[in-house]
Amino acid sequence: MKLTEQEIAHIRQVVDASGIERISLRDDIVDHLCCVLESWRHTRESFDVKLKYAILDLAPYGLKQLEHETVRLLNYNRIKAMKKLMYTTGFLGAVATTLGVMFKILHWPGADELFVVGYILLLLIFVPLSVIDRFKVILTKALPEKLRAFTGVVAALAGGMAGIFKIMHLPGADQLLITGALVFAFGFLPFLFFTLYKKSIA
């Protein structure tokens, strides 16, 4: 038994309401749901119940998630290259910073240069790429989670830049350090402990 025009129109309305922006993907989902529902024509459940089960079977986390997965697959090579750059610069930045601290303690030459290079790699490349990588996840979180992520990044960048300015004896180091500390203490930490509290009583 084929679906009626009204039933197909209802399926399309549900898919359109899911927020999927790609028209071709919406059409594919509608076709898939129609095929599934037609194959279930002998079951006793109502049309709405069958449609609900068909959607859950196709996309347990919502139809919009299908678009995210599709975009991710289409951009796989670009994302892979970005992750490779992110982790490489993170590793090199951490090594350079660690060596810079060791050189500083042992009073060896090149300590400041290693420290600055490591900080720059971490702060100006690794941290921004990490934020971009996590942005798609942060967007799906509640407002406190978004604010925690934002204030954490601001505090890290301000504190890191303060360290670089201090080593290079540039003006503004103290102001950056104070800004980073205040954002961390009164921005990041309250949202962090609020989130931990909510999870502990859930």
N, C-alpha and C. Protein backbone atom coordinates (compact mmCIF):
# COMPACT_ATOMS: atom_id res chain seq x y z
N MET A 1 0.85 -1.20 0.00
CA MET A 1 0.00 0.00 0.00
C MET A 1 0.88 1.24 0.00
N LYS A 2 0.62 2.12 -0.96
CA LYS A 2 1.42 3.32 -1.06
C LYS A 2 0.90 4.39 -0.09
N LEU A 3 1.78 5.29 0.26
CA LEU A 3 1.39 6.39 1.13
C LEU A 3 0.52 7.38 0.36
N THR A 4 -0.37 8.02 1.08
CA THR A 4 -1.21 9.04 0.44
C THR A 4 -0.42 10.33 0.29
N GLU A 5 -0.94 11.23 -0.52
CA GLU A 5 -0.29 12.53 -0.71
C GLU A 5 -0.22 13.30 0.61
N GLN A 6 -1.30 13.17 1.41
CA GLN A 6 -1.32 13.86 2.70
C GLN A 6 -0.24 13.32 3.64
N GLU A 7 -0.03 12.01 3.63
CA GLU A 7 0.99 11.42 4.49
C GLU A 7 2.39 11.84 4.05
N ILE A 8 2.63 11.84 2.74
CA ILE A 8 3.93 12.28 2.23
C ILE A 8 4.17 13.75 2.58
N ALA A 9 3.11 14.56 2.45
CA ALA A 9 3.23 15.98 2.79
C ALA A 9 3.55 16.15 4.27
N HIS A 10 2.96 15.30 5.12
CA HIS A 10 3.21 15.37 6.56
C HIS A 10 4.66 14.99 6.87
N ILE A 11 5.17 13.96 6.19
CA ILE A 11 6.57 13.57 6.38
C ILE A 11 7.50 14.71 6.00
N ARG A 12 7.21 15.34 4.84
CA ARG A 12 8.04 16.46 4.40
C ARG A 12 7.97 17.61 5.40
N GLN A 13 6.80 17.85 5.96
CA GLN A 13 6.64 18.93 6.93
C GLN A 13 7.49 18.65 8.18
N VAL A 14 7.50 17.41 8.63
CA VAL A 14 8.29 17.03 9.81
C VAL A 14 9.78 17.20 9.53
N VAL A 15 10.21 16.77 8.36
CA VAL A 15 11.63 16.88 7.99
C VAL A 15 12.03 18.34 7.84
N ASP A 16 11.17 19.14 7.21
CA ASP A 16 11.48 20.57 7.04
C ASP A 16 11.58 21.27 8.39
N ALA A 17 10.78 20.83 9.36
CA ALA A 17 10.78 21.45 10.69
C ALA A 17 12.00 21.07 11.52
N SER A 18 12.78 20.10 11.04
CA SER A 18 13.93 19.63 11.81
C SER A 18 15.10 20.61 11.77
N GLY A 19 15.07 21.57 10.85
CA GLY A 19 16.13 22.57 10.77
C GLY A 19 17.25 22.22 9.81
N ILE A 20 17.09 21.14 9.04
CA ILE A 20 18.11 20.76 8.06
C ILE A 20 18.11 21.78 6.92
N GLU A 21 19.29 22.32 6.60
CA GLU A 21 19.39 23.38 5.60
C GLU A 21 19.60 22.85 4.18
N ARG A 22 20.23 21.70 4.04
CA ARG A 22 20.51 21.16 2.71
C ARG A 22 19.24 20.55 2.11
N ILE A 23 18.77 21.13 1.02
CA ILE A 23 17.53 20.67 0.39
C ILE A 23 17.67 19.23 -0.11
N SER A 24 18.82 18.92 -0.71
CA SER A 24 19.03 17.56 -1.24
C SER A 24 18.99 16.52 -0.13
N LEU A 25 19.53 16.87 1.03
CA LEU A 25 19.51 15.94 2.16
C LEU A 25 18.08 15.76 2.68
N ARG A 26 17.31 16.86 2.71
CA ARG A 26 15.91 16.75 3.15
C ARG A 26 15.14 15.84 2.22
N ASP A 27 15.35 15.98 0.91
CA ASP A 27 14.66 15.13 -0.06
C ASP A 27 15.03 13.66 0.12
N ASP A 28 16.31 13.40 0.38
CA ASP A 28 16.77 12.02 0.59
C ASP A 28 16.13 11.42 1.84
N ILE A 29 16.03 12.22 2.89
CA ILE A 29 15.43 11.73 4.13
C ILE A 29 13.96 11.43 3.93
N VAL A 30 13.25 12.32 3.23
CA VAL A 30 11.83 12.10 2.95
C VAL A 30 11.65 10.81 2.16
N ASP A 31 12.46 10.61 1.13
CA ASP A 31 12.38 9.37 0.33
C ASP A 31 12.62 8.14 1.19
N HIS A 32 13.61 8.21 2.04
CA HIS A 32 13.94 7.07 2.91
C HIS A 32 12.79 6.75 3.85
N LEU A 33 12.24 7.80 4.49
CA LEU A 33 11.14 7.59 5.43
C LEU A 33 9.91 7.03 4.72
N CYS A 34 9.65 7.51 3.51
CA CYS A 34 8.51 6.99 2.74
C CYS A 34 8.70 5.49 2.45
N CYS A 35 9.91 5.11 2.06
CA CYS A 35 10.18 3.70 1.76
C CYS A 35 10.02 2.83 3.01
N VAL A 36 10.51 3.34 4.13
CA VAL A 36 10.40 2.58 5.39
C VAL A 36 8.94 2.41 5.79
N LEU A 37 8.18 3.48 5.74
CA LEU A 37 6.78 3.43 6.14
C LEU A 37 5.96 2.54 5.21
N GLU A 38 6.28 2.55 3.93
CA GLU A 38 5.58 1.67 3.00
C GLU A 38 5.90 0.20 3.28
N SER A 39 7.14 -0.06 3.73
CA SER A 39 7.50 -1.45 4.06
C SER A 39 6.86 -1.91 5.36
N TRP A 40 6.41 -0.95 6.17
CA TRP A 40 5.74 -1.29 7.44
C TRP A 40 4.21 -1.21 7.31
N ARG A 41 3.71 -1.27 6.09
CA ARG A 41 2.28 -1.04 5.88
C ARG A 41 1.40 -2.10 6.55
N HIS A 42 1.94 -3.29 6.85
CA HIS A 42 1.13 -4.35 7.44
C HIS A 42 1.12 -4.30 8.97
N THR A 43 1.88 -3.42 9.57
CA THR A 43 1.89 -3.33 11.04
C THR A 43 0.65 -2.59 11.52
N ARG A 44 0.33 -2.79 12.79
CA ARG A 44 -0.93 -2.25 13.32
C ARG A 44 -0.84 -0.81 13.80
N GLU A 45 0.36 -0.33 14.08
CA GLU A 45 0.49 1.02 14.65
C GLU A 45 -0.05 2.09 13.70
N SER A 46 -0.37 3.22 14.30
CA SER A 46 -0.86 4.34 13.50
C SER A 46 0.28 4.94 12.68
N PHE A 47 -0.08 5.74 11.71
CA PHE A 47 0.92 6.37 10.84
C PHE A 47 1.89 7.23 11.65
N ASP A 48 1.38 8.02 12.59
CA ASP A 48 2.24 8.90 13.39
C ASP A 48 3.23 8.11 14.23
N VAL A 49 2.78 7.01 14.80
CA VAL A 49 3.66 6.18 15.62
C VAL A 49 4.76 5.56 14.75
N LYS A 50 4.37 5.05 13.58
CA LYS A 50 5.35 4.45 12.67
C LYS A 50 6.37 5.50 12.20
N LEU A 51 5.88 6.71 11.93
CA LEU A 51 6.79 7.77 11.51
C LEU A 51 7.79 8.09 12.62
N LYS A 52 7.31 8.13 13.85
CA LYS A 52 8.19 8.41 14.99
C LYS A 52 9.27 7.34 15.11
N TYR A 53 8.88 6.07 14.99
CA TYR A 53 9.84 4.97 15.08
C TYR A 53 10.84 5.00 13.92
N ALA A 54 10.34 5.35 12.72
CA ALA A 54 11.21 5.41 11.55
C ALA A 54 12.27 6.49 11.72
N ILE A 55 11.88 7.63 12.27
CA ILE A 55 12.83 8.73 12.50
C ILE A 55 13.85 8.34 13.56
N LEU A 56 13.38 7.71 14.64
CA LEU A 56 14.28 7.28 15.71
C LEU A 56 15.28 6.24 15.20
N ASP A 57 14.80 5.35 14.33
CA ASP A 57 15.68 4.33 13.76
C ASP A 57 16.74 4.95 12.84
N LEU A 58 16.34 5.96 12.10
CA LEU A 58 17.26 6.62 11.18
C LEU A 58 18.22 7.56 11.90
N ALA A 59 17.69 8.33 12.84
CA ALA A 59 18.50 9.35 13.53
C ALA A 59 18.12 9.40 15.00
N PRO A 60 18.72 8.55 15.83
CA PRO A 60 18.39 8.52 17.27
C PRO A 60 18.61 9.85 17.97
N TYR A 61 19.55 10.66 17.46
CA TYR A 61 19.86 11.94 18.10
C TYR A 61 19.25 13.13 17.36
N GLY A 62 18.27 12.85 16.51
CA GLY A 62 17.59 13.92 15.79
C GLY A 62 18.05 14.02 14.35
N LEU A 63 17.12 14.45 13.48
CA LEU A 63 17.43 14.55 12.06
C LEU A 63 18.53 15.57 11.77
N LYS A 64 18.60 16.61 12.58
CA LYS A 64 19.63 17.64 12.37
C LYS A 64 21.03 17.05 12.49
N GLN A 65 21.16 16.01 13.35
CA GLN A 65 22.46 15.38 13.53
C GLN A 65 22.95 14.75 12.23
N LEU A 66 22.00 14.29 11.39
CA LEU A 66 22.38 13.73 10.09
C LEU A 66 23.12 14.75 9.23
N GLU A 67 22.67 15.99 9.30
CA GLU A 67 23.34 17.04 8.52
C GLU A 67 24.74 17.28 9.04
N HIS A 68 24.90 17.28 10.38
CA HIS A 68 26.23 17.45 10.95
C HIS A 68 27.17 16.34 10.48
N GLU A 69 26.66 15.10 10.50
CA GLU A 69 27.48 13.97 10.08
C GLU A 69 27.80 14.05 8.58
N THR A 70 26.83 14.50 7.79
CA THR A 70 27.05 14.64 6.35
C THR A 70 28.13 15.67 6.06
N VAL A 71 28.04 16.82 6.73
CA VAL A 71 29.04 17.88 6.54
C VAL A 71 30.42 17.39 6.98
N ARG A 72 30.43 16.64 8.06
CA ARG A 72 31.71 16.12 8.55
C ARG A 72 32.34 15.16 7.54
N LEU A 73 31.53 14.30 6.96
CA LEU A 73 32.06 13.37 5.96
C LEU A 73 32.55 14.10 4.71
N LEU A 74 31.81 15.13 4.29
CA LEU A 74 32.19 15.89 3.11
C LEU A 74 33.49 16.67 3.33
N ASN A 75 33.73 17.06 4.59
CA ASN A 75 34.91 17.86 4.91
C ASN A 75 35.98 17.03 5.63
N TYR A 76 35.93 15.72 5.45
CA TYR A 76 36.82 14.83 6.22
C TYR A 76 38.29 15.17 6.03
N ASN A 77 38.72 15.35 4.78
CA ASN A 77 40.15 15.62 4.52
C ASN A 77 40.60 16.94 5.14
N ARG A 78 39.74 17.96 5.03
CA ARG A 78 40.09 19.26 5.63
C ARG A 78 40.17 19.16 7.14
N ILE A 79 39.21 18.45 7.74
CA ILE A 79 39.20 18.28 9.18
C ILE A 79 40.41 17.48 9.64
N LYS A 80 40.76 16.44 8.87
CA LYS A 80 41.93 15.62 9.20
C LYS A 80 43.20 16.45 9.18
N ALA A 81 43.35 17.32 8.15
CA ALA A 81 44.53 18.18 8.05
C ALA A 81 44.58 19.17 9.20
N MET A 82 43.41 19.71 9.59
CA MET A 82 43.36 20.67 10.68
C MET A 82 43.74 20.01 12.00
N LYS A 83 43.24 18.78 12.22
CA LYS A 83 43.58 18.07 13.45
C LYS A 83 45.06 17.73 13.50
N LYS A 84 45.63 17.36 12.36
CA LYS A 84 47.06 17.04 12.30
C LYS A 84 47.88 18.27 12.67
N LEU A 85 47.50 19.42 12.09
CA LEU A 85 48.20 20.67 12.41
C LEU A 85 48.01 21.03 13.88
N MET A 86 46.79 20.85 14.39
CA MET A 86 46.48 21.20 15.78
C MET A 86 47.35 20.40 16.75
N TYR A 87 47.37 19.08 16.58
CA TYR A 87 48.11 18.24 17.52
C TYR A 87 49.63 18.36 17.34
N THR A 88 50.07 18.61 16.10
CA THR A 88 51.51 18.81 15.89
C THR A 88 51.99 20.08 16.57
N THR A 89 51.26 21.18 16.38
CA THR A 89 51.65 22.44 17.02
C THR A 89 51.49 22.36 18.53
N GLY A 90 50.49 21.62 18.99
CA GLY A 90 50.32 21.44 20.43
C GLY A 90 51.50 20.70 21.03
N PHE A 91 51.95 19.64 20.34
CA PHE A 91 53.10 18.87 20.81
C PHE A 91 54.37 19.71 20.79
N LEU A 92 54.63 20.37 19.66
CA LEU A 92 55.84 21.18 19.55
C LEU A 92 55.83 22.35 20.54
N GLY A 93 54.64 22.95 20.72
CA GLY A 93 54.53 24.06 21.68
C GLY A 93 54.79 23.59 23.10
N ALA A 94 54.25 22.43 23.46
CA ALA A 94 54.46 21.91 24.81
C ALA A 94 55.93 21.55 25.04
N VAL A 95 56.57 20.94 24.02
CA VAL A 95 58.00 20.58 24.14
C VAL A 95 58.84 21.84 24.28
N ALA A 96 58.58 22.84 23.41
CA ALA A 96 59.38 24.07 23.46
C ALA A 96 59.20 24.79 24.80
N THR A 97 57.97 24.84 25.30
CA THR A 97 57.71 25.50 26.59
C THR A 97 58.42 24.75 27.72
N THR A 98 58.35 23.43 27.71
CA THR A 98 59.02 22.63 28.75
C THR A 98 60.53 22.83 28.72
N LEU A 99 61.11 22.80 27.50
CA LEU A 99 62.54 23.03 27.39
C LEU A 99 62.91 24.45 27.82
N GLY A 100 62.04 25.41 27.50
CA GLY A 100 62.30 26.78 27.91
C GLY A 100 62.36 26.92 29.42
N VAL A 101 61.44 26.25 30.13
CA VAL A 101 61.45 26.27 31.60
C VAL A 101 62.73 25.62 32.12
N MET A 102 63.11 24.47 31.54
CA MET A 102 64.32 23.78 31.98
C MET A 102 65.56 24.65 31.75
N PHE A 103 65.64 25.24 30.55
CA PHE A 103 66.78 26.12 30.25
C PHE A 103 66.83 27.30 31.21
N LYS A 104 65.66 27.82 31.57
CA LYS A 104 65.59 28.97 32.48
C LYS A 104 66.12 28.59 33.85
N ILE A 105 65.70 27.42 34.34
CA ILE A 105 66.13 26.96 35.67
C ILE A 105 67.65 26.72 35.70
N LEU A 106 68.17 26.16 34.59
CA LEU A 106 69.59 25.85 34.52
C LEU A 106 70.44 27.03 34.03
N HIS A 107 69.77 28.15 33.74
CA HIS A 107 70.45 29.37 33.27
C HIS A 107 71.23 29.12 31.98
N TRP A 108 70.63 28.35 31.09
CA TRP A 108 71.24 28.10 29.79
C TRP A 108 70.75 29.15 28.79
N PRO A 109 71.56 29.45 27.78
CA PRO A 109 71.11 30.43 26.77
C PRO A 109 69.97 29.86 25.91
N GLY A 110 69.12 30.76 25.44
CA GLY A 110 68.01 30.36 24.56
C GLY A 110 66.73 30.04 25.30
N ALA A 111 66.72 30.21 26.61
CA ALA A 111 65.53 29.87 27.40
C ALA A 111 64.34 30.73 27.02
N ASP A 112 64.56 32.04 26.93
CA ASP A 112 63.46 32.95 26.61
C ASP A 112 62.91 32.67 25.21
N GLU A 113 63.80 32.40 24.26
CA GLU A 113 63.36 32.14 22.89
C GLU A 113 62.50 30.88 22.81
N LEU A 114 62.97 29.81 23.48
CA LEU A 114 62.19 28.56 23.49
C LEU A 114 60.83 28.77 24.13
N PHE A 115 60.83 29.49 25.24
CA PHE A 115 59.59 29.74 25.97
C PHE A 115 58.60 30.52 25.11
N VAL A 116 59.09 31.55 24.44
CA VAL A 116 58.22 32.39 23.60
C VAL A 116 57.68 31.59 22.42
N VAL A 117 58.55 30.83 21.75
CA VAL A 117 58.11 30.01 20.62
C VAL A 117 57.05 29.01 21.05
N GLY A 118 57.29 28.35 22.18
CA GLY A 118 56.32 27.37 22.69
C GLY A 118 54.99 28.01 23.01
N TYR A 119 55.05 29.17 23.67
CA TYR A 119 53.82 29.88 24.03
C TYR A 119 53.05 30.31 22.79
N ILE A 120 53.77 30.81 21.80
CA ILE A 120 53.12 31.28 20.57
C ILE A 120 52.45 30.12 19.85
N LEU A 121 53.15 28.99 19.75
CA LEU A 121 52.56 27.81 19.11
C LEU A 121 51.29 27.36 19.84
N LEU A 122 51.34 27.37 21.16
CA LEU A 122 50.20 26.91 21.94
C LEU A 122 49.04 27.91 21.89
N LEU A 123 49.37 29.19 22.07
CA LEU A 123 48.32 30.20 22.21
C LEU A 123 47.72 30.66 20.89
N LEU A 124 48.56 30.83 19.89
CA LEU A 124 48.08 31.42 18.64
C LEU A 124 47.70 30.39 17.58
N ILE A 125 48.08 29.12 17.79
CA ILE A 125 47.72 28.09 16.81
C ILE A 125 46.93 26.96 17.45
N PHE A 126 47.49 26.33 18.50
CA PHE A 126 46.84 25.17 19.10
C PHE A 126 45.51 25.53 19.75
N VAL A 127 45.49 26.56 20.58
CA VAL A 127 44.24 26.94 21.29
C VAL A 127 43.15 27.36 20.31
N PRO A 128 43.41 28.26 19.34
CA PRO A 128 42.34 28.61 18.39
C PRO A 128 41.82 27.41 17.60
N LEU A 129 42.73 26.52 17.14
CA LEU A 129 42.29 25.34 16.40
C LEU A 129 41.47 24.41 17.29
N SER A 130 41.86 24.30 18.56
CA SER A 130 41.08 23.48 19.50
C SER A 130 39.69 24.05 19.70
N VAL A 131 39.60 25.38 19.79
CA VAL A 131 38.29 26.03 19.96
C VAL A 131 37.42 25.79 18.73
N ILE A 132 38.01 25.91 17.53
CA ILE A 132 37.25 25.66 16.30
C ILE A 132 36.77 24.22 16.25
N ASP A 133 37.65 23.30 16.66
CA ASP A 133 37.30 21.88 16.65
C ASP A 133 36.17 21.57 17.62
N ARG A 134 36.17 22.26 18.76
CA ARG A 134 35.15 22.00 19.79
C ARG A 134 33.90 22.84 19.60
N PHE A 135 33.95 23.82 18.68
CA PHE A 135 32.85 24.77 18.54
C PHE A 135 31.54 24.08 18.20
N LYS A 136 31.60 23.08 17.32
CA LYS A 136 30.37 22.38 16.92
C LYS A 136 29.75 21.63 18.09
N VAL A 137 30.59 21.19 19.03
CA VAL A 137 30.06 20.51 20.21
C VAL A 137 29.50 21.52 21.20
N ILE A 138 30.23 22.63 21.37
CA ILE A 138 29.81 23.67 22.31
C ILE A 138 28.45 24.25 21.92
N LEU A 139 28.18 24.37 20.61
CA LEU A 139 26.92 24.95 20.14
C LEU A 139 25.72 24.16 20.60
N THR A 140 25.88 22.85 20.81
CA THR A 140 24.76 22.00 21.22
C THR A 140 24.57 21.99 22.73
N LYS A 141 25.47 22.63 23.47
CA LYS A 141 25.41 22.61 24.93
C LYS A 141 24.52 23.73 25.44
N ALA A 142 24.21 23.65 26.75
CA ALA A 142 23.42 24.68 27.41
C ALA A 142 24.25 25.95 27.57
N LEU A 143 23.57 27.07 27.88
CA LEU A 143 24.25 28.36 27.98
C LEU A 143 25.39 28.36 28.99
N PRO A 144 25.25 27.78 30.21
CA PRO A 144 26.39 27.75 31.14
C PRO A 144 27.62 27.06 30.56
N GLU A 145 27.41 25.98 29.78
CA GLU A 145 28.53 25.28 29.16
C GLU A 145 29.22 26.17 28.12
N LYS A 146 28.43 26.91 27.34
CA LYS A 146 29.00 27.81 26.34
C LYS A 146 29.81 28.92 27.01
N LEU A 147 29.25 29.50 28.09
CA LEU A 147 29.94 30.59 28.79
C LEU A 147 31.21 30.08 29.46
N ARG A 148 31.16 28.86 29.99
CA ARG A 148 32.35 28.28 30.61
C ARG A 148 33.46 28.13 29.57
N ALA A 149 33.12 27.62 28.39
CA ALA A 149 34.11 27.44 27.34
C ALA A 149 34.68 28.79 26.90
N PHE A 150 33.81 29.78 26.72
CA PHE A 150 34.24 31.10 26.26
C PHE A 150 35.17 31.77 27.27
N THR A 151 34.76 31.78 28.54
CA THR A 151 35.59 32.43 29.58
C THR A 151 36.90 31.67 29.79
N GLY A 152 36.87 30.36 29.62
CA GLY A 152 38.10 29.59 29.75
C GLY A 152 39.11 29.95 28.68
N VAL A 153 38.63 30.10 27.44
CA VAL A 153 39.52 30.47 26.34
C VAL A 153 40.08 31.87 26.54
N VAL A 154 39.22 32.81 26.94
CA VAL A 154 39.67 34.19 27.16
C VAL A 154 40.72 34.24 28.27
N ALA A 155 40.47 33.51 29.36
CA ALA A 155 41.41 33.50 30.49
C ALA A 155 42.75 32.88 30.07
N ALA A 156 42.69 31.79 29.30
CA ALA A 156 43.93 31.13 28.86
C ALA A 156 44.74 32.04 27.93
N LEU A 157 44.06 32.68 26.98
CA LEU A 157 44.75 33.57 26.04
C LEU A 157 45.35 34.77 26.76
N ALA A 158 44.58 35.38 27.68
CA ALA A 158 45.08 36.56 28.39
C ALA A 158 46.26 36.19 29.28
N GLY A 159 46.15 35.06 30.00
CA GLY A 159 47.24 34.62 30.87
C GLY A 159 48.48 34.25 30.07
N GLY A 160 48.29 33.56 28.95
CA GLY A 160 49.43 33.18 28.12
C GLY A 160 50.13 34.37 27.51
N MET A 161 49.34 35.30 26.99
CA MET A 161 49.93 36.51 26.41
C MET A 161 50.65 37.33 27.47
N ALA A 162 50.13 37.32 28.70
CA ALA A 162 50.80 38.03 29.79
C ALA A 162 52.19 37.44 30.04
N GLY A 163 52.27 36.09 29.96
CA GLY A 163 53.57 35.44 30.14
C GLY A 163 54.56 35.85 29.05
N ILE A 164 54.09 35.87 27.81
CA ILE A 164 54.97 36.27 26.70
C ILE A 164 55.41 37.72 26.86
N PHE A 165 54.45 38.61 27.20
CA PHE A 165 54.78 40.02 27.37
C PHE A 165 55.79 40.21 28.50
N LYS A 166 55.65 39.40 29.57
CA LYS A 166 56.55 39.51 30.72
C LYS A 166 57.96 39.10 30.33
N ILE A 167 58.07 37.99 29.60
CA ILE A 167 59.39 37.49 29.19
C ILE A 167 60.08 38.48 28.25
N MET A 168 59.29 39.07 27.34
CA MET A 168 59.86 39.98 26.35
C MET A 168 59.90 41.42 26.85
N HIS A 169 59.52 41.61 28.11
CA HIS A 169 59.54 42.95 28.74
C HIS A 169 58.72 43.97 27.95
N LEU A 170 57.56 43.54 27.48
CA LEU A 170 56.68 44.44 26.74
C LEU A 170 55.67 45.06 27.70
N PRO A 171 55.20 46.28 27.42
CA PRO A 171 54.21 46.91 28.29
C PRO A 171 52.85 46.20 28.17
N GLY A 172 52.08 46.21 29.24
CA GLY A 172 50.74 45.62 29.24
C GLY A 172 50.67 44.23 29.83
N ALA A 173 51.83 43.70 30.27
CA ALA A 173 51.84 42.34 30.82
C ALA A 173 50.98 42.24 32.08
N ASP A 174 51.11 43.22 32.97
CA ASP A 174 50.36 43.18 34.22
C ASP A 174 48.86 43.26 33.96
N GLN A 175 48.46 44.13 33.04
CA GLN A 175 47.04 44.28 32.73
C GLN A 175 46.46 42.99 32.15
N LEU A 176 47.23 42.34 31.27
CA LEU A 176 46.78 41.06 30.70
C LEU A 176 46.67 39.98 31.77
N LEU A 177 47.66 39.96 32.68
CA LEU A 177 47.64 38.97 33.76
C LEU A 177 46.44 39.18 34.67
N ILE A 178 46.17 40.44 35.02
CA ILE A 178 45.02 40.74 35.88
C ILE A 178 43.72 40.37 35.18
N THR A 179 43.61 40.70 33.88
CA THR A 179 42.41 40.36 33.12
C THR A 179 42.19 38.85 33.08
N GLY A 180 43.25 38.11 32.78
CA GLY A 180 43.15 36.65 32.73
C GLY A 180 42.75 36.06 34.06
N ALA A 181 43.35 36.57 35.13
CA ALA A 181 43.05 36.05 36.47
C ALA A 181 41.60 36.35 36.87
N LEU A 182 41.13 37.56 36.57
CA LEU A 182 39.76 37.93 36.93
C LEU A 182 38.73 37.13 36.13
N VAL A 183 39.00 36.97 34.83
CA VAL A 183 38.08 36.19 33.99
C VAL A 183 38.05 34.74 34.46
N PHE A 184 39.22 34.21 34.82
CA PHE A 184 39.29 32.81 35.30
C PHE A 184 38.56 32.66 36.62
N ALA A 185 38.81 33.60 37.56
CA ALA A 185 38.24 33.48 38.91
C ALA A 185 36.74 33.75 38.93
N PHE A 186 36.30 34.77 38.21
CA PHE A 186 34.89 35.19 38.29
C PHE A 186 34.08 34.83 37.05
N GLY A 187 34.73 34.24 36.05
CA GLY A 187 34.00 33.80 34.87
C GLY A 187 34.02 32.30 34.70
N PHE A 188 35.22 31.74 34.52
CA PHE A 188 35.35 30.30 34.27
C PHE A 188 34.98 29.46 35.48
N LEU A 189 35.56 29.77 36.64
CA LEU A 189 35.35 28.92 37.82
C LEU A 189 33.89 28.85 38.28
N PRO A 190 33.14 29.97 38.32
CA PRO A 190 31.72 29.86 38.71
C PRO A 190 30.92 28.95 37.77
N PHE A 191 31.14 29.08 36.47
CA PHE A 191 30.42 28.22 35.53
C PHE A 191 30.86 26.77 35.64
N LEU A 192 32.15 26.55 35.92
CA LEU A 192 32.66 25.19 36.09
C LEU A 192 32.00 24.51 37.29
N PHE A 193 32.01 25.20 38.44
CA PHE A 193 31.44 24.58 39.64
C PHE A 193 29.92 24.51 39.59
N PHE A 194 29.29 25.43 38.88
CA PHE A 194 27.84 25.34 38.70
C PHE A 194 27.50 24.09 37.88
N THR A 195 28.29 23.83 36.82
CA THR A 195 28.06 22.64 36.00
C THR A 195 28.30 21.37 36.79
N LEU A 196 29.39 21.36 37.60
CA LEU A 196 29.68 20.18 38.44
C LEU A 196 28.57 19.95 39.45
N TYR A 197 28.03 21.06 40.01
CA TYR A 197 26.94 20.94 40.99
C TYR A 197 25.69 20.36 40.33
N LYS A 198 25.35 20.87 39.15
CA LYS A 198 24.15 20.38 38.45
C LYS A 198 24.28 18.90 38.12
N LYS A 199 25.50 18.46 37.71
CA LYS A 199 25.70 17.06 37.40
C LYS A 199 25.62 16.19 38.66
N SER A 200 26.07 16.75 39.81
CA SER A 200 26.10 15.94 41.03
C SER A 200 24.69 15.68 41.59
N ILE A 201 23.72 16.56 41.27
CA ILE A 201 22.37 16.37 41.80
C ILE A 201 21.41 15.82 40.75
N ALA A 202 21.93 15.60 39.53
CA ALA A 202 21.07 15.09 38.46
C ALA A 202 20.72 13.63 38.70
